[in-house]
Amino acid sequence: AEGLDGSFRGPRPLASLYLDRHFALLRPKLTFRKVVCLLAQFRSLKGRPDEQKLILDALSTDFNLEYDFLSIICEDSFNSIDTLCLLVAGVARSQVRLFLTLTHLPRLREYIKVYKCCERLFLFS
């Protein structure tokens, strides 16, 4: 069905449903025990951005991430903008969680940088 402005106002696009299912099946959530150990290890690497980036790369491709975890890891990260650009794709796919993730940034300039970096992802989902 089309709306008055000519845009499609029907069920969610099939691609979005497919991605939700794909992430649910192939990207597990981190358990509490693993999160605690991972955050301790990540914090111990503070001041060593190359090692932190390796952990962030693995997290961005392998796991569904919760907003709480992402906000904590950004505090200990070498660069919160780069961290969010890497990890925002792994945040559980909901508009509210994406919004909360982006509001973690302290200034509008940083928000715009992350948004530009992830604009295709936001438009797709």
PDB file of N, CA and C in Angstrom:
ATOM      1  N   ALA A   1       0.844  -1.172   0.000  1.00  0.00           N
ATOM      2  CA  ALA A   1       0.000   0.000   0.000  1.00  0.00           C
ATOM      3  C   ALA A   1       0.889   1.235   0.000  1.00  0.00           C
ATOM      4  N   GLU A   2       0.432   2.251  -0.731  1.00  0.00           N
ATOM      5  CA  GLU A   2       1.197   3.483  -0.816  1.00  0.00           C
ATOM      6  C   GLU A   2       0.544   4.562   0.024  1.00  0.00           C
ATOM      7  N   GLY A   3       1.368   5.415   0.625  1.00  0.00           N
ATOM      8  CA  GLY A   3       0.855   6.534   1.396  1.00  0.00           C
ATOM      9  C   GLY A   3       0.511   7.698   0.489  1.00  0.00           C
ATOM     10  N   LEU A   4       0.025   8.783   1.056  1.00  0.00           N
ATOM     11  CA  LEU A   4      -0.351   9.959   0.288  1.00  0.00           C
ATOM     12  C   LEU A   4       0.831  10.582  -0.436  1.00  0.00           C
ATOM     13  N   ASP A   5       2.017  10.465   0.134  1.00  0.00           N
ATOM     14  CA  ASP A   5       3.195  11.055  -0.497  1.00  0.00           C
ATOM     15  C   ASP A   5       3.834  10.125  -1.519  1.00  0.00           C
ATOM     16  N   GLY A   6       3.243   8.976  -1.784  1.00  0.00           N
ATOM     17  CA  GLY A   6       3.749   8.043  -2.782  1.00  0.00           C
ATOM     18  C   GLY A   6       4.758   7.046  -2.243  1.00  0.00           C
ATOM     19  N   SER A   7       5.114   7.131  -0.967  1.00  0.00           N
ATOM     20  CA  SER A   7       6.072   6.194  -0.399  1.00  0.00           C
ATOM     21  C   SER A   7       5.364   4.908   0.031  1.00  0.00           C
ATOM     22  N   PHE A   8       6.117   3.848   0.072  1.00  0.00           N
ATOM     23  CA  PHE A   8       5.563   2.547   0.434  1.00  0.00           C
ATOM     24  C   PHE A   8       5.324   2.490   1.933  1.00  0.00           C
ATOM     25  N   ARG A   9       4.116   2.127   2.329  1.00  0.00           N
ATOM     26  CA  ARG A   9       3.785   2.036   3.755  1.00  0.00           C
ATOM     27  C   ARG A   9       3.202   0.655   4.061  1.00  0.00           C
ATOM     28  N   GLY A  10       3.940  -0.340   3.708  1.00  0.00           N
ATOM     29  CA  GLY A  10       3.482  -1.703   3.934  1.00  0.00           C
ATOM     30  C   GLY A  10       4.309  -2.373   4.998  1.00  0.00           C
ATOM     31  N   PRO A  11       4.357  -3.686   4.961  1.00  0.00           N
ATOM     32  CA  PRO A  11       5.162  -4.417   5.933  1.00  0.00           C
ATOM     33  C   PRO A  11       6.644  -4.082   5.785  1.00  0.00           C
ATOM     34  N   ARG A  12       7.418  -4.436   6.810  1.00  0.00           N
ATOM     35  CA  ARG A  12       8.856  -4.174   6.774  1.00  0.00           C
ATOM     36  C   ARG A  12       9.466  -4.834   5.550  1.00  0.00           C
ATOM     37  N   PRO A  13      10.473  -4.200   4.963  1.00  0.00           N
ATOM     38  CA  PRO A  13      11.126  -4.789   3.798  1.00  0.00           C
ATOM     39  C   PRO A  13      11.711  -6.159   4.129  1.00  0.00           C
ATOM     40  N   LEU A  14      11.683  -7.027   3.155  1.00  0.00           N
ATOM     41  CA  LEU A  14      12.161  -8.391   3.328  1.00  0.00           C
ATOM     42  C   LEU A  14      13.641  -8.418   3.712  1.00  0.00           C
ATOM     43  N   ALA A  15      14.437  -7.515   3.164  1.00  0.00           N
ATOM     44  CA  ALA A  15      15.869  -7.476   3.486  1.00  0.00           C
ATOM     45  C   ALA A  15      16.090  -7.204   4.969  1.00  0.00           C
ATOM     46  N   SER A  16      15.295  -6.318   5.543  1.00  0.00           N
ATOM     47  CA  SER A  16      15.436  -6.003   6.960  1.00  0.00           C
ATOM     48  C   SER A  16      15.088  -7.211   7.823  1.00  0.00           C
ATOM     49  N   LEU A  17      14.031  -7.915   7.465  1.00  0.00           N
ATOM     50  CA  LEU A  17      13.664  -9.131   8.201  1.00  0.00           C
ATOM     51  C   LEU A  17      14.756 -10.190   8.087  1.00  0.00           C
ATOM     52  N   TYR A  18      15.320 -10.315   6.895  1.00  0.00           N
ATOM     53  CA  TYR A  18      16.389 -11.278   6.677  1.00  0.00           C
ATOM     54  C   TYR A  18      17.587 -10.956   7.560  1.00  0.00           C
ATOM     55  N   LEU A  19      17.989  -9.682   7.623  1.00  0.00           N
ATOM     56  CA  LEU A  19      19.133  -9.304   8.445  1.00  0.00           C
ATOM     57  C   LEU A  19      18.871  -9.529   9.931  1.00  0.00           C
ATOM     58  N   ASP A  20      17.666  -9.229  10.378  1.00  0.00           N
ATOM     59  CA  ASP A  20      17.325  -9.487  11.781  1.00  0.00           C
ATOM     60  C   ASP A  20      17.492 -10.961  12.110  1.00  0.00           C
ATOM     61  N   ARG A  21      16.991 -11.806  11.245  1.00  0.00           N
ATOM     62  CA  ARG A  21      17.092 -13.257  11.450  1.00  0.00           C
ATOM     63  C   ARG A  21      18.552 -13.720  11.389  1.00  0.00           C
ATOM     64  N   HIS A  22      19.295 -13.181  10.437  1.00  0.00           N
ATOM     65  CA  HIS A  22      20.707 -13.529  10.272  1.00  0.00           C
ATOM     66  C   HIS A  22      21.503 -13.174  11.528  1.00  0.00           C
ATOM     67  N   PHE A  23      21.305 -11.957  12.044  1.00  0.00           N
ATOM     68  CA  PHE A  23      22.025 -11.554  13.244  1.00  0.00           C
ATOM     69  C   PHE A  23      21.623 -12.386  14.453  1.00  0.00           C
ATOM     70  N   ALA A  24      20.350 -12.738  14.536  1.00  0.00           N
ATOM     71  CA  ALA A  24      19.883 -13.531  15.677  1.00  0.00           C
ATOM     72  C   ALA A  24      20.504 -14.929  15.670  1.00  0.00           C
ATOM     73  N   LEU A  25      20.684 -15.502  14.491  1.00  0.00           N
ATOM     74  CA  LEU A  25      21.199 -16.865  14.407  1.00  0.00           C
ATOM     75  C   LEU A  25      22.722 -16.955  14.394  1.00  0.00           C
ATOM     76  N   LEU A  26      23.373 -16.031  13.733  1.00  0.00           N
ATOM     77  CA  LEU A  26      24.810 -16.160  13.516  1.00  0.00           C
ATOM     78  C   LEU A  26      25.682 -15.264  14.387  1.00  0.00           C
ATOM     79  N   ARG A  27      25.083 -14.310  15.042  1.00  0.00           N
ATOM     80  CA  ARG A  27      25.855 -13.425  15.911  1.00  0.00           C
ATOM     81  C   ARG A  27      25.334 -13.547  17.335  1.00  0.00           C
ATOM     82  N   PRO A  28      25.970 -14.355  18.147  1.00  0.00           N
ATOM     83  CA  PRO A  28      25.467 -14.541  19.518  1.00  0.00           C
ATOM     84  C   PRO A  28      25.672 -13.298  20.370  1.00  0.00           C
ATOM     85  N   LYS A  29      24.866 -13.210  21.428  1.00  0.00           N
ATOM     86  CA  LYS A  29      25.060 -12.155  22.417  1.00  0.00           C
ATOM     87  C   LYS A  29      26.138 -12.602  23.391  1.00  0.00           C
ATOM     88  N   LEU A  30      26.871 -11.641  23.899  1.00  0.00           N
ATOM     89  CA  LEU A  30      27.890 -11.949  24.893  1.00  0.00           C
ATOM     90  C   LEU A  30      27.224 -12.222  26.237  1.00  0.00           C
ATOM     91  N   THR A  31      27.661 -13.263  26.921  1.00  0.00           N
ATOM     92  CA  THR A  31      27.135 -13.548  28.251  1.00  0.00           C
ATOM     93  C   THR A  31      27.778 -12.593  29.262  1.00  0.00           C
ATOM     94  N   PHE A  32      27.159 -12.493  30.418  1.00  0.00           N
ATOM     95  CA  PHE A  32      27.641 -11.576  31.448  1.00  0.00           C
ATOM     96  C   PHE A  32      29.080 -11.892  31.839  1.00  0.00           C
ATOM     97  N   ARG A  33      29.391 -13.175  32.016  1.00  0.00           N
ATOM     98  CA  ARG A  33      30.752 -13.561  32.404  1.00  0.00           C
ATOM     99  C   ARG A  33      31.769 -13.138  31.350  1.00  0.00           C
ATOM    100  N   LYS A  34      31.418 -13.311  30.082  1.00  0.00           N
ATOM    101  CA  LYS A  34      32.340 -12.925  29.016  1.00  0.00           C
ATOM    102  C   LYS A  34      32.489 -11.416  28.921  1.00  0.00           C
ATOM    103  N   VAL A  35      31.402 -10.700  29.163  1.00  0.00           N
ATOM    104  CA  VAL A  35      31.456  -9.239  29.103  1.00  0.00           C
ATOM    105  C   VAL A  35      32.392  -8.707  30.181  1.00  0.00           C
ATOM    106  N   VAL A  36      32.289  -9.235  31.383  1.00  0.00           N
ATOM    107  CA  VAL A  36      33.140  -8.772  32.491  1.00  0.00           C
ATOM    108  C   VAL A  36      34.612  -9.017  32.154  1.00  0.00           C
ATOM    109  N   CYS A  37      34.931 -10.209  31.691  1.00  0.00           N
ATOM    110  CA  CYS A  37      36.324 -10.525  31.340  1.00  0.00           C
ATOM    111  C   CYS A  37      36.818  -9.670  30.181  1.00  0.00           C
ATOM    112  N   LEU A  38      35.968  -9.495  29.188  1.00  0.00           N
ATOM    113  CA  LEU A  38      36.349  -8.707  28.020  1.00  0.00           C
ATOM    114  C   LEU A  38      36.581  -7.239  28.380  1.00  0.00           C
ATOM    115  N   LEU A  39      35.703  -6.691  29.207  1.00  0.00           N
ATOM    116  CA  LEU A  39      35.885  -5.293  29.622  1.00  0.00           C
ATOM    117  C   LEU A  39      37.147  -5.116  30.465  1.00  0.00           C
ATOM    118  N   ALA A  40      37.447  -6.081  31.316  1.00  0.00           N
ATOM    119  CA  ALA A  40      38.679  -6.006  32.113  1.00  0.00           C
ATOM    120  C   ALA A  40      39.911  -6.067  31.210  1.00  0.00           C
ATOM    121  N   GLN A  41      39.878  -6.952  30.229  1.00  0.00           N
ATOM    122  CA  GLN A  41      41.002  -7.055  29.290  1.00  0.00           C
ATOM    123  C   GLN A  41      41.131  -5.783  28.456  1.00  0.00           C
ATOM    124  N   PHE A  42      39.996  -5.258  28.001  1.00  0.00           N
ATOM    125  CA  PHE A  42      40.008  -4.040  27.188  1.00  0.00           C
ATOM    126  C   PHE A  42      40.546  -2.861  27.994  1.00  0.00           C
ATOM    127  N   ARG A  43      40.126  -2.761  29.245  1.00  0.00           N
ATOM    128  CA  ARG A  43      40.599  -1.676  30.109  1.00  0.00           C
ATOM    129  C   ARG A  43      42.101  -1.803  30.369  1.00  0.00           C
ATOM    130  N   SER A  44      42.604  -3.030  30.475  1.00  0.00           N
ATOM    131  CA  SER A  44      44.035  -3.214  30.706  1.00  0.00           C
ATOM    132  C   SER A  44      44.872  -2.783  29.498  1.00  0.00           C
ATOM    133  N   LEU A  45      44.238  -2.692  28.338  1.00  0.00           N
ATOM    134  CA  LEU A  45      44.934  -2.271  27.126  1.00  0.00           C
ATOM    135  C   LEU A  45      44.828  -0.767  26.884  1.00  0.00           C
ATOM    136  N   LYS A  46      44.338  -0.032  27.861  1.00  0.00           N
ATOM    137  CA  LYS A  46      44.211   1.427  27.716  1.00  0.00           C
ATOM    138  C   LYS A  46      45.578   2.025  27.414  1.00  0.00           C
ATOM    139  N   GLY A  47      45.631   2.885  26.413  1.00  0.00           N
ATOM    140  CA  GLY A  47      46.891   3.472  25.996  1.00  0.00           C
ATOM    141  C   GLY A  47      47.594   2.670  24.917  1.00  0.00           C
ATOM    142  N   ARG A  48      47.010   1.561  24.500  1.00  0.00           N
ATOM    143  CA  ARG A  48      47.566   0.734  23.420  1.00  0.00           C
ATOM    144  C   ARG A  48      46.499   0.571  22.334  1.00  0.00           C
ATOM    145  N   PRO A  49      46.339   1.578  21.485  1.00  0.00           N
ATOM    146  CA  PRO A  49      45.233   1.583  20.527  1.00  0.00           C
ATOM    147  C   PRO A  49      45.258   0.451  19.512  1.00  0.00           C
ATOM    148  N   ASP A  50      46.444  -0.031  19.142  1.00  0.00           N
ATOM    149  CA  ASP A  50      46.495  -1.120  18.158  1.00  0.00           C
ATOM    150  C   ASP A  50      45.862  -2.400  18.703  1.00  0.00           C
ATOM    151  N   GLU A  51      46.153  -2.730  19.954  1.00  0.00           N
ATOM    152  CA  GLU A  51      45.574  -3.923  20.568  1.00  0.00           C
ATOM    153  C   GLU A  51      44.069  -3.753  20.786  1.00  0.00           C
ATOM    154  N   GLN A  52      43.662  -2.550  21.207  1.00  0.00           N
ATOM    155  CA  GLN A  52      42.227  -2.300  21.383  1.00  0.00           C
ATOM    156  C   GLN A  52      41.489  -2.436  20.056  1.00  0.00           C
ATOM    157  N   LYS A  53      42.088  -1.956  18.978  1.00  0.00           N
ATOM    158  CA  LYS A  53      41.439  -2.044  17.670  1.00  0.00           C
ATOM    159  C   LYS A  53      41.254  -3.492  17.238  1.00  0.00           C
ATOM    160  N   LEU A  54      42.186  -4.363  17.569  1.00  0.00           N
ATOM    161  CA  LEU A  54      42.036  -5.790  17.247  1.00  0.00           C
ATOM    162  C   LEU A  54      40.807  -6.385  17.940  1.00  0.00           C
ATOM    163  N   ILE A  55      40.628  -6.049  19.209  1.00  0.00           N
ATOM    164  CA  ILE A  55      39.459  -6.542  19.937  1.00  0.00           C
ATOM    165  C   ILE A  55      38.184  -5.965  19.338  1.00  0.00           C
ATOM    166  N   LEU A  56      38.194  -4.686  19.003  1.00  0.00           N
ATOM    167  CA  LEU A  56      37.009  -4.053  18.425  1.00  0.00           C
ATOM    168  C   LEU A  56      36.662  -4.650  17.074  1.00  0.00           C
ATOM    169  N   ASP A  57      37.665  -4.968  16.263  1.00  0.00           N
ATOM    170  CA  ASP A  57      37.400  -5.601  14.965  1.00  0.00           C
ATOM    171  C   ASP A  57      36.724  -6.951  15.142  1.00  0.00           C
ATOM    172  N   ALA A  58      37.198  -7.725  16.103  1.00  0.00           N
ATOM    173  CA  ALA A  58      36.580  -9.037  16.358  1.00  0.00           C
ATOM    174  C   ALA A  58      35.150  -8.884  16.861  1.00  0.00           C
ATOM    175  N   LEU A  59      34.931  -7.938  17.754  1.00  0.00           N
ATOM    176  CA  LEU A  59      33.577  -7.714  18.280  1.00  0.00           C
ATOM    177  C   LEU A  59      32.618  -7.253  17.182  1.00  0.00           C
ATOM    178  N   SER A  60      33.110  -6.432  16.269  1.00  0.00           N
ATOM    179  CA  SER A  60      32.228  -5.867  15.246  1.00  0.00           C
ATOM    180  C   SER A  60      31.740  -6.906  14.247  1.00  0.00           C
ATOM    181  N   THR A  61      32.465  -7.983  14.075  1.00  0.00           N
ATOM    182  CA  THR A  61      32.055  -8.985  13.082  1.00  0.00           C
ATOM    183  C   THR A  61      31.416 -10.227  13.686  1.00  0.00           C
ATOM    184  N   ASP A  62      31.585 -10.455  14.976  1.00  0.00           N
ATOM    185  CA  ASP A  62      31.172 -11.731  15.544  1.00  0.00           C
ATOM    186  C   ASP A  62      30.002 -11.693  16.517  1.00  0.00           C
ATOM    187  N   PHE A  63      29.646 -10.545  17.073  1.00  0.00           N
ATOM    188  CA  PHE A  63      28.681 -10.543  18.170  1.00  0.00           C
ATOM    189  C   PHE A  63      27.614  -9.468  18.019  1.00  0.00           C
ATOM    190  N   ASN A  64      26.442  -9.765  18.588  1.00  0.00           N
ATOM    191  CA  ASN A  64      25.418  -8.744  18.812  1.00  0.00           C
ATOM    192  C   ASN A  64      25.790  -8.040  20.104  1.00  0.00           C
ATOM    193  N   LEU A  65      25.761  -6.735  20.097  1.00  0.00           N
ATOM    194  CA  LEU A  65      26.198  -5.968  21.260  1.00  0.00           C
ATOM    195  C   LEU A  65      25.036  -5.180  21.843  1.00  0.00           C
ATOM    196  N   GLU A  66      25.031  -5.064  23.136  1.00  0.00           N
ATOM    197  CA  GLU A  66      24.020  -4.274  23.826  1.00  0.00           C
ATOM    198  C   GLU A  66      24.518  -2.846  24.004  1.00  0.00           C
ATOM    199  N   TYR A  67      23.587  -1.929  24.124  1.00  0.00           N
ATOM    200  CA  TYR A  67      23.925  -0.512  24.285  1.00  0.00           C
ATOM    201  C   TYR A  67      24.806  -0.296  25.517  1.00  0.00           C
ATOM    202  N   ASP A  68      24.483  -0.939  26.629  1.00  0.00           N
ATOM    203  CA  ASP A  68      25.243  -0.751  27.872  1.00  0.00           C
ATOM    204  C   ASP A  68      26.712  -1.110  27.688  1.00  0.00           C
ATOM    205  N   PHE A  69      26.955  -2.229  27.024  1.00  0.00           N
ATOM    206  CA  PHE A  69      28.320  -2.677  26.778  1.00  0.00           C
ATOM    207  C   PHE A  69      29.058  -1.659  25.914  1.00  0.00           C
ATOM    208  N   LEU A  70      28.382  -1.168  24.899  1.00  0.00           N
ATOM    209  CA  LEU A  70      29.007  -0.222  23.984  1.00  0.00           C
ATOM    210  C   LEU A  70      29.356   1.096  24.683  1.00  0.00           C
ATOM    211  N   SER A  71      28.485   1.555  25.550  1.00  0.00           N
ATOM    212  CA  SER A  71      28.773   2.815  26.249  1.00  0.00           C
ATOM    213  C   SER A  71      29.973   2.660  27.185  1.00  0.00           C
ATOM    214  N   ILE A  72      30.111   1.510  27.819  1.00  0.00           N
ATOM    215  CA  ILE A  72      31.257   1.285  28.716  1.00  0.00           C
ATOM    216  C   ILE A  72      32.545   1.166  27.917  1.00  0.00           C
ATOM    217  N   ILE A  73      32.491   0.453  26.813  1.00  0.00           N
ATOM    218  CA  ILE A  73      33.716   0.254  26.027  1.00  0.00           C
ATOM    219  C   ILE A  73      34.167   1.562  25.379  1.00  0.00           C
ATOM    220  N   CYS A  74      33.233   2.451  25.079  1.00  0.00           N
ATOM    221  CA  CYS A  74      33.608   3.763  24.520  1.00  0.00           C
ATOM    222  C   CYS A  74      34.363   4.607  25.541  1.00  0.00           C
ATOM    223  N   GLU A  75      34.049   4.454  26.816  1.00  0.00           N
ATOM    224  CA  GLU A  75      34.746   5.213  27.859  1.00  0.00           C
ATOM    225  C   GLU A  75      36.223   4.836  27.940  1.00  0.00           C
ATOM    226  N   ASP A  76      36.536   3.566  27.690  1.00  0.00           N
ATOM    227  CA  ASP A  76      37.915   3.095  27.800  1.00  0.00           C
ATOM    228  C   ASP A  76      38.637   3.060  26.459  1.00  0.00           C
ATOM    229  N   SER A  77      37.970   3.450  25.411  1.00  0.00           N
ATOM    230  CA  SER A  77      38.530   3.334  24.075  1.00  0.00           C
ATOM    231  C   SER A  77      39.495   4.467  23.765  1.00  0.00           C
ATOM    232  N   PHE A  78      40.359   4.209  22.798  1.00  0.00           N
ATOM    233  CA  PHE A  78      41.319   5.211  22.355  1.00  0.00           C
ATOM    234  C   PHE A  78      40.637   6.360  21.619  1.00  0.00           C
ATOM    235  N   ASN A  79      39.518   6.080  20.968  1.00  0.00           N
ATOM    236  CA  ASN A  79      38.800   7.102  20.200  1.00  0.00           C
ATOM    237  C   ASN A  79      37.339   6.667  20.096  1.00  0.00           C
ATOM    238  N   SER A  80      36.449   7.378  20.765  1.00  0.00           N
ATOM    239  CA  SER A  80      35.049   6.952  20.799  1.00  0.00           C
ATOM    240  C   SER A  80      34.383   7.027  19.433  1.00  0.00           C
ATOM    241  N   ILE A  81      34.825   7.935  18.568  1.00  0.00           N
ATOM    242  CA  ILE A  81      34.237   8.027  17.226  1.00  0.00           C
ATOM    243  C   ILE A  81      34.570   6.781  16.421  1.00  0.00           C
ATOM    244  N   ASP A  82      35.833   6.396  16.383  1.00  0.00           N
ATOM    245  CA  ASP A  82      36.228   5.191  15.647  1.00  0.00           C
ATOM    246  C   ASP A  82      35.583   3.945  16.244  1.00  0.00           C
ATOM    247  N   THR A  83      35.498   3.914  17.559  1.00  0.00           N
ATOM    248  CA  THR A  83      34.876   2.765  18.226  1.00  0.00           C
ATOM    249  C   THR A  83      33.419   2.619  17.817  1.00  0.00           C
ATOM    250  N   LEU A  84      32.671   3.712  17.846  1.00  0.00           N
ATOM    251  CA  LEU A  84      31.272   3.638  17.450  1.00  0.00           C
ATOM    252  C   LEU A  84      31.118   3.295  15.976  1.00  0.00           C
ATOM    253  N   CYS A  85      31.981   3.839  15.134  1.00  0.00           N
ATOM    254  CA  CYS A  85      31.906   3.497  13.708  1.00  0.00           C
ATOM    255  C   CYS A  85      32.108   2.001  13.489  1.00  0.00           C
ATOM    256  N   LEU A  86      32.996   1.399  14.264  1.00  0.00           N
ATOM    257  CA  LEU A  86      33.240  -0.035  14.132  1.00  0.00           C
ATOM    258  C   LEU A  86      32.110  -0.882  14.707  1.00  0.00           C
ATOM    259  N   LEU A  87      31.587  -0.482  15.861  1.00  0.00           N
ATOM    260  CA  LEU A  87      30.685  -1.354  16.602  1.00  0.00           C
ATOM    261  C   LEU A  87      29.197  -1.094  16.402  1.00  0.00           C
ATOM    262  N   VAL A  88      28.825   0.018  15.798  1.00  0.00           N
ATOM    263  CA  VAL A  88      27.405   0.350  15.706  1.00  0.00           C
ATOM    264  C   VAL A  88      26.639  -0.681  14.869  1.00  0.00           C
ATOM    265  N   ALA A  89      27.293  -1.330  13.938  1.00  0.00           N
ATOM    266  CA  ALA A  89      26.614  -2.354  13.140  1.00  0.00           C
ATOM    267  C   ALA A  89      26.253  -3.578  13.983  1.00  0.00           C
ATOM    268  N   GLY A  90      26.957  -3.782  15.085  1.00  0.00           N
ATOM    269  CA  GLY A  90      26.672  -4.925  15.938  1.00  0.00           C
ATOM    270  C   GLY A  90      25.658  -4.657  17.027  1.00  0.00           C
ATOM    271  N   VAL A  91      25.205  -3.415  17.152  1.00  0.00           N
ATOM    272  CA  VAL A  91      24.200  -3.089  18.154  1.00  0.00           C
ATOM    273  C   VAL A  91      22.885  -3.747  17.750  1.00  0.00           C
ATOM    274  N   ALA A  92      22.198  -4.303  18.737  1.00  0.00           N
ATOM    275  CA  ALA A  92      20.922  -4.958  18.460  1.00  0.00           C
ATOM    276  C   ALA A  92      20.053  -4.042  17.609  1.00  0.00           C
ATOM    277  N   ARG A  93      19.486  -4.580  16.549  1.00  0.00           N
ATOM    278  CA  ARG A  93      18.838  -3.781  15.514  1.00  0.00           C
ATOM    279  C   ARG A  93      17.493  -3.225  15.972  1.00  0.00           C
ATOM    280  N   SER A  94      17.556  -2.081  16.581  1.00  0.00           N
ATOM    281  CA  SER A  94      16.349  -1.366  16.969  1.00  0.00           C
ATOM    282  C   SER A  94      16.659   0.121  16.895  1.00  0.00           C
ATOM    283  N   GLN A  95      15.711   0.893  16.435  1.00  0.00           N
ATOM    284  CA  GLN A  95      15.928   2.327  16.275  1.00  0.00           C
ATOM    285  C   GLN A  95      16.223   3.002  17.615  1.00  0.00           C
ATOM    286  N   VAL A  96      15.575   2.542  18.677  1.00  0.00           N
ATOM    287  CA  VAL A  96      15.799   3.141  19.996  1.00  0.00           C
ATOM    288  C   VAL A  96      17.232   2.899  20.457  1.00  0.00           C
ATOM    289  N   ARG A  97      17.713   1.679  20.284  1.00  0.00           N
ATOM    290  CA  ARG A  97      19.085   1.381  20.720  1.00  0.00           C
ATOM    291  C   ARG A  97      20.111   2.123  19.883  1.00  0.00           C
ATOM    292  N   LEU A  98      19.864   2.252  18.591  1.00  0.00           N
ATOM    293  CA  LEU A  98      20.779   3.031  17.757  1.00  0.00           C
ATOM    294  C   LEU A  98      20.784   4.494  18.192  1.00  0.00           C
ATOM    295  N   PHE A  99      19.610   5.017  18.494  1.00  0.00           N
ATOM    296  CA  PHE A  99      19.521   6.402  18.960  1.00  0.00           C
ATOM    297  C   PHE A  99      20.294   6.585  20.266  1.00  0.00           C
ATOM    298  N   LEU A 100      20.105   5.669  21.215  1.00  0.00           N
ATOM    299  CA  LEU A 100      20.824   5.761  22.489  1.00  0.00           C
ATOM    300  C   LEU A 100      22.327   5.655  22.287  1.00  0.00           C
ATOM    301  N   THR A 101      22.730   4.808  21.377  1.00  0.00           N
ATOM    302  CA  THR A 101      24.155   4.648  21.101  1.00  0.00           C
ATOM    303  C   THR A 101      24.747   5.946  20.578  1.00  0.00           C
ATOM    304  N   LEU A 102      24.042   6.595  19.676  1.00  0.00           N
ATOM    305  CA  LEU A 102      24.572   7.833  19.100  1.00  0.00           C
ATOM    306  C   LEU A 102      24.508   9.004  20.077  1.00  0.00           C
ATOM    307  N   THR A 103      23.565   8.987  21.002  1.00  0.00           N
ATOM    308  CA  THR A 103      23.504  10.082  21.978  1.00  0.00           C
ATOM    309  C   THR A 103      24.599   9.968  23.035  1.00  0.00           C
ATOM    310  N   HIS A 104      25.344   8.878  23.011  1.00  0.00           N
ATOM    311  CA  HIS A 104      26.472   8.718  23.924  1.00  0.00           C
ATOM    312  C   HIS A 104      27.588   9.718  23.598  1.00  0.00           C
ATOM    313  N   LEU A 105      27.621  10.185  22.370  1.00  0.00           N
ATOM    314  CA  LEU A 105      28.655  11.134  21.960  1.00  0.00           C
ATOM    315  C   LEU A 105      28.400  12.500  22.590  1.00  0.00           C
ATOM    316  N   PRO A 106      29.440  13.149  23.087  1.00  0.00           N
ATOM    317  CA  PRO A 106      29.231  14.389  23.844  1.00  0.00           C
ATOM    318  C   PRO A 106      28.908  15.629  23.003  1.00  0.00           C
ATOM    319  N   ARG A 107      29.369  15.671  21.761  1.00  0.00           N
ATOM    320  CA  ARG A 107      29.166  16.876  20.954  1.00  0.00           C
ATOM    321  C   ARG A 107      28.516  16.543  19.613  1.00  0.00           C
ATOM    322  N   LEU A 108      27.835  17.522  19.066  1.00  0.00           N
ATOM    323  CA  LEU A 108      27.152  17.362  17.785  1.00  0.00           C
ATOM    324  C   LEU A 108      28.136  17.038  16.668  1.00  0.00           C
ATOM    325  N   ARG A 109      29.310  17.619  16.701  1.00  0.00           N
ATOM    326  CA  ARG A 109      30.318  17.357  15.672  1.00  0.00           C
ATOM    327  C   ARG A 109      30.684  15.869  15.614  1.00  0.00           C
ATOM    328  N   GLU A 110      30.843  15.250  16.778  1.00  0.00           N
ATOM    329  CA  GLU A 110      31.161  13.815  16.825  1.00  0.00           C
ATOM    330  C   GLU A 110      29.988  12.985  16.335  1.00  0.00           C
ATOM    331  N   TYR A 111      28.793  13.388  16.700  1.00  0.00           N
ATOM    332  CA  TYR A 111      27.587  12.696  16.234  1.00  0.00           C
ATOM    333  C   TYR A 111      27.533  12.705  14.712  1.00  0.00           C
ATOM    334  N   ILE A 112      27.808  13.849  14.115  1.00  0.00           N
ATOM    335  CA  ILE A 112      27.754  13.968  12.651  1.00  0.00           C
ATOM    336  C   ILE A 112      28.825  13.095  12.000  1.00  0.00           C
ATOM    337  N   LYS A 113      30.017  13.034  12.586  1.00  0.00           N
ATOM    338  CA  LYS A 113      31.082  12.184  12.031  1.00  0.00           C
ATOM    339  C   LYS A 113      30.668  10.711  12.046  1.00  0.00           C
ATOM    340  N   VAL A 114      30.120  10.259  13.156  1.00  0.00           N
ATOM    341  CA  VAL A 114      29.696   8.853  13.242  1.00  0.00           C
ATOM    342  C   VAL A 114      28.529   8.604  12.298  1.00  0.00           C
ATOM    343  N   TYR A 115      27.601   9.544  12.229  1.00  0.00           N
ATOM    344  CA  TYR A 115      26.457   9.370  11.339  1.00  0.00           C
ATOM    345  C   TYR A 115      26.913   9.273   9.882  1.00  0.00           C
ATOM    346  N   LYS A 116      27.843  10.124   9.468  1.00  0.00           N
ATOM    347  CA  LYS A 116      28.341  10.071   8.094  1.00  0.00           C
ATOM    348  C   LYS A 116      29.064   8.754   7.817  1.00  0.00           C
ATOM    349  N   CYS A 117      29.797   8.292   8.806  1.00  0.00           N
ATOM    350  CA  CYS A 117      30.521   7.021   8.658  1.00  0.00           C
ATOM    351  C   CYS A 117      29.563   5.843   8.484  1.00  0.00           C
ATOM    352  N   CYS A 118      28.421   5.895   9.165  1.00  0.00           N
ATOM    353  CA  CYS A 118      27.466   4.776   9.178  1.00  0.00           C
ATOM    354  C   CYS A 118      26.170   5.094   8.434  1.00  0.00           C
ATOM    355  N   GLU A 119      26.167   6.118   7.604  1.00  0.00           N
ATOM    356  CA  GLU A 119      24.929   6.578   6.972  1.00  0.00           C
ATOM    357  C   GLU A 119      24.254   5.487   6.142  1.00  0.00           C
ATOM    358  N   ARG A 120      25.014   4.719   5.398  1.00  0.00           N
ATOM    359  CA  ARG A 120      24.432   3.650   4.576  1.00  0.00           C
ATOM    360  C   ARG A 120      23.729   2.608   5.433  1.00  0.00           C
ATOM    361  N   LEU A 121      24.350   2.273   6.553  1.00  0.00           N
ATOM    362  CA  LEU A 121      23.725   1.313   7.460  1.00  0.00           C
ATOM    363  C   LEU A 121      22.409   1.838   7.986  1.00  0.00           C
ATOM    364  N   PHE A 122      22.367   3.108   8.393  1.00  0.00           N
ATOM    365  CA  PHE A 122      21.138   3.695   8.932  1.00  0.00           C
ATOM    366  C   PHE A 122      20.046   3.772   7.876  1.00  0.00           C
ATOM    367  N   LEU A 123      20.426   4.113   6.666  1.00  0.00           N
ATOM    368  CA  LEU A 123      19.429   4.199   5.601  1.00  0.00           C
ATOM    369  C   LEU A 123      18.893   2.822   5.225  1.00  0.00           C
ATOM    370  N   PHE A 124      19.757   1.810   5.310  1.00  0.00           N
ATOM    371  CA  PHE A 124      19.336   0.458   4.958  1.00  0.00           C
ATOM    372  C   PHE A 124      18.409  -0.127   6.015  1.00  0.00           C
ATOM    373  N   SER A 125      18.737   0.124   7.271  1.00  0.00           N
ATOM    374  CA  SER A 125      17.920  -0.453   8.339  1.00  0.00           C
ATOM    375  C   SER A 125      16.900   0.552   8.782  1.00  0.00           C
TER     376      SER A 125
END
